[in-house]
Amino acid sequence: MKKGKVLLGIVSALLLLFHLQAIKAAGSYEITGYNATADILEDGSIELTQKITYAFDGDFNGVYYDQNLTKIKQLSDVFVAVTQAGQTTTLKEATTGTNNTYQLLQEADKLRIKVFHKVSDEDVTLTYRYKLFGLVTNYRDTAELNWKILGAGWDEPVQNIKVTLNFPTRPQNELQAWTHGPLTGYTAVDKKQGKVTLTLAELPTEQLLETHLLLPTAVTAKNQ
């Protein structure tokens, strides 16, 4: 799940896995798009890329993003970028709070990514990419991924959701997938291409999106 906060003026402070909220002052915003790709590797780790698009009305200084670390043994290789007016800028990690930087704040149960990027009355897409360890479990006869991708508690509904989960080998003839969330969502299992795609027009603020996958242990044979 996800959790982050939009920052207005002075920066202040998913669910179950992640979460986004807004601090409203002289402006408002909408979350107009969420596109995530999760590449599941042979060792059971997940390379996760998330692109979150905001439509800002007013002056903002940045956003918060909290990655919940429950069930996650390790998180590494953090990358953050912002796309605005067709230009993509890779942000640098820094503790200064200057424009186009980000901070990583480690807490007991989450990693907070604090993004500093000034924007006024524009659409902005934030890209977060990193590697997660520990979410896939290998049992004797099957491997399992039970993952709350988007949690409840957003300030605004999340629109135009697409999540693609890719597997390291194909075809995946024994792949099984279930999705828990609004009944308007759709789950497509492409066994030939070895991927699962979740789509949803809108996630209300108090609902969550969760996926449950079963696959042969050979797919993540290096998972310890």
C-alpha atoms as a PDB file:
ATOM      1  CA  MET A   1       0.000   0.000   0.000  1.00  0.00           C
ATOM      2  CA  LYS A   2       1.146   3.513  -0.164  1.00  0.00           C
ATOM      3  CA  LYS A   3       1.326   6.596   1.804  1.00  0.00           C
ATOM      4  CA  GLY A   4       2.599   9.988   0.944  1.00  0.00           C
ATOM      5  CA  LYS A   5       1.596  13.564   1.596  1.00  0.00           C
ATOM      6  CA  VAL A   6       1.458  16.565  -0.656  1.00  0.00           C
ATOM      7  CA  LEU A   7       3.279  19.512   0.883  1.00  0.00           C
ATOM      8  CA  LEU A   8       2.039  23.086   0.776  1.00  0.00           C
ATOM      9  CA  GLY A   9       4.235  26.067   1.638  1.00  0.00           C
ATOM     10  CA  ILE A  10       6.495  24.765   4.418  1.00  0.00           C
ATOM     11  CA  VAL A  11       7.079  21.009   4.111  1.00  0.00           C
ATOM     12  CA  SER A  12       5.415  19.131   6.949  1.00  0.00           C
ATOM     13  CA  ALA A  13       4.615  15.673   7.414  1.00  0.00           C
ATOM     14  CA  LEU A  14      -0.321   2.348   3.065  1.00  0.00           C
ATOM     15  CA  LEU A  15      -2.203   2.195   4.280  1.00  0.00           C
ATOM     16  CA  LEU A  16      -0.850  -0.986   4.665  1.00  0.00           C
ATOM     17  CA  LEU A  17       1.905  -0.821   2.168  1.00  0.00           C
ATOM     18  CA  PHE A  18       1.797   2.752   0.832  1.00  0.00           C
ATOM     19  CA  HIS A  19      -0.468   5.831   1.123  1.00  0.00           C
ATOM     20  CA  LEU A  20      -0.796   9.411  -0.138  1.00  0.00           C
ATOM     21  CA  GLN A  21      -2.508  12.339   1.567  1.00  0.00           C
ATOM     22  CA  ALA A  22      -2.622  16.058   0.947  1.00  0.00           C
ATOM     23  CA  ILE A  23      -1.935  18.962   3.264  1.00  0.00           C
ATOM     24  CA  LYS A  24      -4.377  21.502   1.910  1.00  0.00           C
ATOM     25  CA  ALA A  25      -3.885  25.249   2.244  1.00  0.00           C
ATOM     26  CA  ALA A  26      -4.133  27.561  -0.745  1.00  0.00           C
ATOM     27  CA  GLY A  27      -4.537  24.807  -3.289  1.00  0.00           C
ATOM     28  CA  SER A  28      -6.073  21.482  -4.208  1.00  0.00           C
ATOM     29  CA  TYR A  29      -5.076  18.513  -6.291  1.00  0.00           C
ATOM     30  CA  GLU A  30      -6.255  15.285  -7.903  1.00  0.00           C
ATOM     31  CA  ILE A  31      -4.442  11.988  -8.360  1.00  0.00           C
ATOM     32  CA  THR A  32      -5.175  11.384 -12.030  1.00  0.00           C
ATOM     33  CA  GLY A  33      -3.018   8.348 -12.691  1.00  0.00           C
ATOM     34  CA  TYR A  34      -1.219   5.471 -10.998  1.00  0.00           C
ATOM     35  CA  ASN A  35       0.910   3.151 -13.140  1.00  0.00           C
ATOM     36  CA  ALA A  36       3.102   0.515 -11.516  1.00  0.00           C
ATOM     37  CA  THR A  37       5.322  -2.250 -12.870  1.00  0.00           C
ATOM     38  CA  ALA A  38       6.509  -5.012 -10.546  1.00  0.00           C
ATOM     39  CA  ASP A  39       9.211  -7.261 -12.003  1.00  0.00           C
ATOM     40  CA  ILE A  40       9.424 -10.417  -9.896  1.00  0.00           C
ATOM     41  CA  LEU A  41      12.911 -11.940 -10.044  1.00  0.00           C
ATOM     42  CA  GLU A  42      14.188 -15.492  -9.526  1.00  0.00           C
ATOM     43  CA  ASP A  43      15.395 -14.709  -6.014  1.00  0.00           C
ATOM     44  CA  GLY A  44      11.888 -13.574  -5.024  1.00  0.00           C
ATOM     45  CA  SER A  45      12.793  -9.894  -4.927  1.00  0.00           C
ATOM     46  CA  ILE A  46      10.623  -7.324  -6.720  1.00  0.00           C
ATOM     47  CA  GLU A  47      11.864  -4.404  -8.782  1.00  0.00           C
ATOM     48  CA  LEU A  48       9.023  -1.925  -8.340  1.00  0.00           C
ATOM     49  CA  THR A  49       8.485   1.196 -10.467  1.00  0.00           C
ATOM     50  CA  GLN A  50       5.557   3.483  -9.620  1.00  0.00           C
ATOM     51  CA  LYS A  51       4.438   6.533 -11.568  1.00  0.00           C
ATOM     52  CA  ILE A  52       1.917   8.750  -9.790  1.00  0.00           C
ATOM     53  CA  THR A  53       0.406  11.688 -11.667  1.00  0.00           C
ATOM     54  CA  TYR A  54      -1.020  14.716  -9.871  1.00  0.00           C
ATOM     55  CA  ALA A  55      -3.065  17.613 -11.221  1.00  0.00           C
ATOM     56  CA  PHE A  56      -2.173  20.557  -8.963  1.00  0.00           C
ATOM     57  CA  ASP A  57      -4.320  23.652  -8.573  1.00  0.00           C
ATOM     58  CA  GLY A  58      -2.304  26.125  -6.508  1.00  0.00           C
ATOM     59  CA  ASP A  59       1.237  26.362  -5.191  1.00  0.00           C
ATOM     60  CA  PHE A  60       2.931  23.258  -3.783  1.00  0.00           C
ATOM     61  CA  ASN A  61       6.445  22.501  -2.565  1.00  0.00           C
ATOM     62  CA  GLY A  62       6.501  18.730  -2.952  1.00  0.00           C
ATOM     63  CA  VAL A  63       5.114  15.405  -1.770  1.00  0.00           C
ATOM     64  CA  TYR A  64       5.574  12.738   0.876  1.00  0.00           C
ATOM     65  CA  TYR A  65       5.704   9.058   0.052  1.00  0.00           C
ATOM     66  CA  ASP A  66       5.863   6.358   2.756  1.00  0.00           C
ATOM     67  CA  GLN A  67       6.843   2.791   1.891  1.00  0.00           C
ATOM     68  CA  ASN A  68       5.586   0.475   4.604  1.00  0.00           C
ATOM     69  CA  LEU A  69       8.234  -2.110   5.512  1.00  0.00           C
ATOM     70  CA  THR A  70       5.937  -4.740   7.023  1.00  0.00           C
ATOM     71  CA  LYS A  71       6.932  -8.142   5.585  1.00  0.00           C
ATOM     72  CA  ILE A  72       9.794  -6.465   3.712  1.00  0.00           C
ATOM     73  CA  LYS A  73      13.235  -7.711   4.745  1.00  0.00           C
ATOM     74  CA  GLN A  74      15.174  -5.123   2.751  1.00  0.00           C
ATOM     75  CA  LEU A  75      14.664  -2.132   0.446  1.00  0.00           C
ATOM     76  CA  SER A  76      17.460  -0.926  -1.835  1.00  0.00           C
ATOM     77  CA  ASP A  77      18.406   1.062  -4.946  1.00  0.00           C
ATOM     78  CA  VAL A  78      16.048   4.014  -4.505  1.00  0.00           C
ATOM     79  CA  PHE A  79      15.494   6.211  -7.579  1.00  0.00           C
ATOM     80  CA  VAL A  80      13.213   9.274  -7.716  1.00  0.00           C
ATOM     81  CA  ALA A  81      12.346  11.457 -10.710  1.00  0.00           C
ATOM     82  CA  VAL A  82       9.775  14.088 -11.601  1.00  0.00           C
ATOM     83  CA  THR A  83       8.223  14.718 -15.023  1.00  0.00           C
ATOM     84  CA  GLN A  84       6.669  18.118 -15.694  1.00  0.00           C
ATOM     85  CA  ALA A  85       5.824  19.837 -18.996  1.00  0.00           C
ATOM     86  CA  GLY A  86       7.453  17.001 -20.924  1.00  0.00           C
ATOM     87  CA  GLN A  87      10.776  17.282 -19.051  1.00  0.00           C
ATOM     88  CA  THR A  88      12.027  14.548 -16.706  1.00  0.00           C
ATOM     89  CA  THR A  89      14.409  15.463 -13.898  1.00  0.00           C
ATOM     90  CA  THR A  90      16.238  12.879 -11.811  1.00  0.00           C
ATOM     91  CA  LEU A  91      16.253  14.024  -8.195  1.00  0.00           C
ATOM     92  CA  LYS A  92      19.303  13.821  -5.939  1.00  0.00           C
ATOM     93  CA  GLU A  93      19.264  12.598  -2.382  1.00  0.00           C
ATOM     94  CA  ALA A  94      20.110  15.438   0.008  1.00  0.00           C
ATOM     95  CA  THR A  95      19.277  16.704   3.479  1.00  0.00           C
ATOM     96  CA  THR A  96      19.115  20.362   2.465  1.00  0.00           C
ATOM     97  CA  GLY A  97      15.470  20.492   1.394  1.00  0.00           C
ATOM     98  CA  THR A  98      16.382  22.363  -1.772  1.00  0.00           C
ATOM     99  CA  ASN A  99      14.267  22.124  -4.910  1.00  0.00           C
ATOM    100  CA  ASN A 100      14.531  18.879  -6.909  1.00  0.00           C
ATOM    101  CA  THR A 101      16.003  16.815  -4.082  1.00  0.00           C
ATOM    102  CA  TYR A 102      14.627  14.060  -1.873  1.00  0.00           C
ATOM    103  CA  GLN A 103      15.291  12.752   1.620  1.00  0.00           C
ATOM    104  CA  LEU A 104      15.082   9.181   2.928  1.00  0.00           C
ATOM    105  CA  LEU A 105      13.869   8.959   6.524  1.00  0.00           C
ATOM    106  CA  GLN A 106      14.076   5.453   7.999  1.00  0.00           C
ATOM    107  CA  GLU A 107      11.591   4.560  10.710  1.00  0.00           C
ATOM    108  CA  ALA A 108      10.823   1.267  12.410  1.00  0.00           C
ATOM    109  CA  ASP A 109       8.000   0.246  10.094  1.00  0.00           C
ATOM    110  CA  LYS A 110       8.437   2.442   7.030  1.00  0.00           C
ATOM    111  CA  LEU A 111      10.767   4.360   4.770  1.00  0.00           C
ATOM    112  CA  ARG A 112       9.640   7.929   4.166  1.00  0.00           C
ATOM    113  CA  ILE A 113      10.609   9.521   0.857  1.00  0.00           C
ATOM    114  CA  LYS A 114      10.276  13.290   1.149  1.00  0.00           C
ATOM    115  CA  VAL A 115      10.316  14.940  -2.287  1.00  0.00           C
ATOM    116  CA  PHE A 116      11.035  18.664  -2.733  1.00  0.00           C
ATOM    117  CA  HIS A 117       9.718  20.022  -6.026  1.00  0.00           C
ATOM    118  CA  LYS A 118       7.941  23.340  -6.472  1.00  0.00           C
ATOM    119  CA  VAL A 119       4.913  23.364  -8.768  1.00  0.00           C
ATOM    120  CA  SER A 120       2.056  25.764  -9.493  1.00  0.00           C
ATOM    121  CA  ASP A 121      -1.119  24.879 -11.422  1.00  0.00           C
ATOM    122  CA  GLU A 122       0.431  22.031 -13.421  1.00  0.00           C
ATOM    123  CA  ASP A 123       0.350  18.275 -13.871  1.00  0.00           C
ATOM    124  CA  VAL A 124       3.332  16.417 -12.435  1.00  0.00           C
ATOM    125  CA  THR A 125       4.307  12.738 -12.500  1.00  0.00           C
ATOM    126  CA  LEU A 126       6.483  11.377  -9.694  1.00  0.00           C
ATOM    127  CA  THR A 127       8.458   8.208 -10.401  1.00  0.00           C
ATOM    128  CA  TYR A 128       9.620   6.008  -7.526  1.00  0.00           C
ATOM    129  CA  ARG A 129      11.747   2.955  -8.227  1.00  0.00           C
ATOM    130  CA  TYR A 130      13.411   0.553  -5.811  1.00  0.00           C
ATOM    131  CA  LYS A 131      13.899  -3.117  -5.008  1.00  0.00           C
ATOM    132  CA  LEU A 132      11.926  -5.021  -2.362  1.00  0.00           C
ATOM    133  CA  PHE A 133      12.939  -8.272  -0.671  1.00  0.00           C
ATOM    134  CA  GLY A 134      10.754 -10.656   1.320  1.00  0.00           C
ATOM    135  CA  LEU A 135       7.270 -10.364  -0.213  1.00  0.00           C
ATOM    136  CA  VAL A 136       7.383 -13.680  -2.133  1.00  0.00           C
ATOM    137  CA  THR A 137       7.321 -16.846  -0.008  1.00  0.00           C
ATOM    138  CA  ASN A 138       8.467 -20.213  -1.356  1.00  0.00           C
ATOM    139  CA  TYR A 139       6.777 -23.215   0.252  1.00  0.00           C
ATOM    140  CA  ARG A 140       7.471 -26.864  -0.497  1.00  0.00           C
ATOM    141  CA  ASP A 141       5.034 -27.112  -3.419  1.00  0.00           C
ATOM    142  CA  THR A 142       4.136 -23.540  -4.371  1.00  0.00           C
ATOM    143  CA  ALA A 143       5.268 -19.927  -4.197  1.00  0.00           C
ATOM    144  CA  GLU A 144       2.958 -17.173  -2.992  1.00  0.00           C
ATOM    145  CA  LEU A 145       2.703 -13.406  -3.254  1.00  0.00           C
ATOM    146  CA  ASN A 146      -0.005 -11.774  -1.144  1.00  0.00           C
ATOM    147  CA  TRP A 147       0.433  -8.030  -1.539  1.00  0.00           C
ATOM    148  CA  LYS A 148      -1.662  -5.003  -0.628  1.00  0.00           C
ATOM    149  CA  ILE A 149      -0.500  -2.783  -3.468  1.00  0.00           C
ATOM    150  CA  LEU A 150      -2.682   0.220  -2.636  1.00  0.00           C
ATOM    151  CA  GLY A 151      -4.178   0.747   0.776  1.00  0.00           C
ATOM    152  CA  ALA A 152      -7.067   2.759   2.142  1.00  0.00           C
ATOM    153  CA  GLY A 153      -6.794   6.252   3.603  1.00  0.00           C
ATOM    154  CA  TRP A 154      -6.038   8.474   0.607  1.00  0.00           C
ATOM    155  CA  ASP A 155      -7.199  12.088   0.802  1.00  0.00           C
ATOM    156  CA  GLU A 156      -8.379  11.912  -2.799  1.00  0.00           C
ATOM    157  CA  PRO A 157      -9.548   8.997  -4.981  1.00  0.00           C
ATOM    158  CA  VAL A 158      -6.819   7.437  -7.108  1.00  0.00           C
ATOM    159  CA  GLN A 159      -7.817   7.426 -10.784  1.00  0.00           C
ATOM    160  CA  ASN A 160      -6.729   5.389 -13.817  1.00  0.00           C
ATOM    161  CA  ILE A 161      -4.900   2.590 -12.032  1.00  0.00           C
ATOM    162  CA  LYS A 162      -2.793   0.026 -13.886  1.00  0.00           C
ATOM    163  CA  VAL A 163      -0.481  -2.488 -12.200  1.00  0.00           C
ATOM    164  CA  THR A 164       1.579  -4.982 -14.216  1.00  0.00           C
ATOM    165  CA  LEU A 165       3.347  -7.917 -12.556  1.00  0.00           C
ATOM    166  CA  ASN A 166       5.994  -9.603 -14.722  1.00  0.00           C
ATOM    167  CA  PHE A 167       7.609 -12.984 -14.069  1.00  0.00           C
ATOM    168  CA  PRO A 168      11.175 -14.040 -14.929  1.00  0.00           C
ATOM    169  CA  THR A 169      10.210 -16.992 -17.136  1.00  0.00           C
ATOM    170  CA  ARG A 170       7.457 -17.695 -19.645  1.00  0.00           C
ATOM    171  CA  PRO A 171       5.049 -19.224 -20.280  1.00  0.00           C
ATOM    172  CA  GLN A 172       3.510 -19.461 -16.807  1.00  0.00           C
ATOM    173  CA  ASN A 173       0.915 -22.163 -17.346  1.00  0.00           C
ATOM    174  CA  GLU A 174       0.292 -22.769 -13.622  1.00  0.00           C
ATOM    175  CA  LEU A 175       0.000 -19.114 -12.647  1.00  0.00           C
ATOM    176  CA  GLN A 176      -3.108 -18.214 -10.636  1.00  0.00           C
ATOM    177  CA  ALA A 177      -4.158 -14.709  -9.616  1.00  0.00           C
ATOM    178  CA  TRP A 178      -6.914 -13.087  -7.570  1.00  0.00           C
ATOM    179  CA  THR A 179      -7.569  -9.416  -6.878  1.00  0.00           C
ATOM    180  CA  HIS A 180      -9.342  -7.922  -3.860  1.00  0.00           C
ATOM    181  CA  GLY A 181     -10.769  -4.419  -4.228  1.00  0.00           C
ATOM    182  CA  PRO A 182     -13.611  -2.564  -5.979  1.00  0.00           C
ATOM    183  CA  LEU A 183     -15.756  -4.835  -8.144  1.00  0.00           C
ATOM    184  CA  THR A 184     -15.235  -2.492 -11.109  1.00  0.00           C
ATOM    185  CA  GLY A 185     -11.606  -3.595 -11.428  1.00  0.00           C
ATOM    186  CA  TYR A 186     -10.300  -6.147 -13.917  1.00  0.00           C
ATOM    187  CA  THR A 187      -7.568  -8.791 -13.607  1.00  0.00           C
ATOM    188  CA  ALA A 188      -5.956 -10.179 -16.766  1.00  0.00           C
ATOM    189  CA  VAL A 189      -3.716 -13.268 -16.483  1.00  0.00           C
ATOM    190  CA  ASP A 190      -1.491 -13.716 -19.540  1.00  0.00           C
ATOM    191  CA  LYS A 191       0.123 -17.122 -18.997  1.00  0.00           C
ATOM    192  CA  LYS A 192       1.856 -17.075 -22.359  1.00  0.00           C
ATOM    193  CA  GLN A 193       3.655 -13.781 -21.638  1.00  0.00           C
ATOM    194  CA  GLY A 194       4.095 -14.527 -17.957  1.00  0.00           C
ATOM    195  CA  LYS A 195       2.342 -11.482 -16.541  1.00  0.00           C
ATOM    196  CA  VAL A 196      -0.705 -10.283 -14.626  1.00  0.00           C
ATOM    197  CA  THR A 197      -2.320  -6.890 -15.248  1.00  0.00           C
ATOM    198  CA  LEU A 198      -4.678  -5.163 -12.823  1.00  0.00           C
ATOM    199  CA  THR A 199      -6.750  -2.213 -14.039  1.00  0.00           C
ATOM    200  CA  LEU A 200      -9.186  -0.010 -12.158  1.00  0.00           C
ATOM    201  CA  ALA A 201     -10.825   3.265 -13.170  1.00  0.00           C
ATOM    202  CA  GLU A 202     -10.901   4.665  -9.639  1.00  0.00           C
ATOM    203  CA  LEU A 203      -9.975   3.584  -6.128  1.00  0.00           C
ATOM    204  CA  PRO A 204     -12.159   5.327  -3.512  1.00  0.00           C
ATOM    205  CA  THR A 205     -10.377   6.828  -0.534  1.00  0.00           C
ATOM    206  CA  GLU A 206     -11.358   4.105   1.941  1.00  0.00           C
ATOM    207  CA  GLN A 207     -10.860   1.031  -0.251  1.00  0.00           C
ATOM    208  CA  LEU A 208      -7.728  -0.943  -1.047  1.00  0.00           C
ATOM    209  CA  LEU A 209      -6.291  -2.958  -3.921  1.00  0.00           C
ATOM    210  CA  GLU A 210      -4.678  -6.306  -3.111  1.00  0.00           C
ATOM    211  CA  THR A 211      -3.316  -9.104  -5.283  1.00  0.00           C
ATOM    212  CA  HIS A 212      -2.849 -12.761  -4.378  1.00  0.00           C
ATOM    213  CA  LEU A 213      -0.694 -14.922  -6.674  1.00  0.00           C
ATOM    214  CA  LEU A 214       0.225 -18.595  -6.665  1.00  0.00           C
ATOM    215  CA  LEU A 215       2.976 -19.941  -8.922  1.00  0.00           C
ATOM    216  CA  PRO A 216       5.392 -22.881  -9.118  1.00  0.00           C
ATOM    217  CA  THR A 217       8.410 -22.677  -6.811  1.00  0.00           C
ATOM    218  CA  ALA A 218      10.657 -23.056  -9.877  1.00  0.00           C
ATOM    219  CA  VAL A 219       9.719 -19.506 -10.927  1.00  0.00           C
ATOM    220  CA  THR A 220      11.471 -18.102  -7.850  1.00  0.00           C
ATOM    221  CA  ALA A 221      13.840 -21.016  -7.326  1.00  0.00           C
ATOM    222  CA  LYS A 222      16.585 -18.817  -5.851  1.00  0.00           C
ATOM    223  CA  ASN A 223      14.285 -17.382  -3.190  1.00  0.00           C
ATOM    224  CA  GLN A 224      15.720 -18.149   0.264  1.00  0.00           C
END
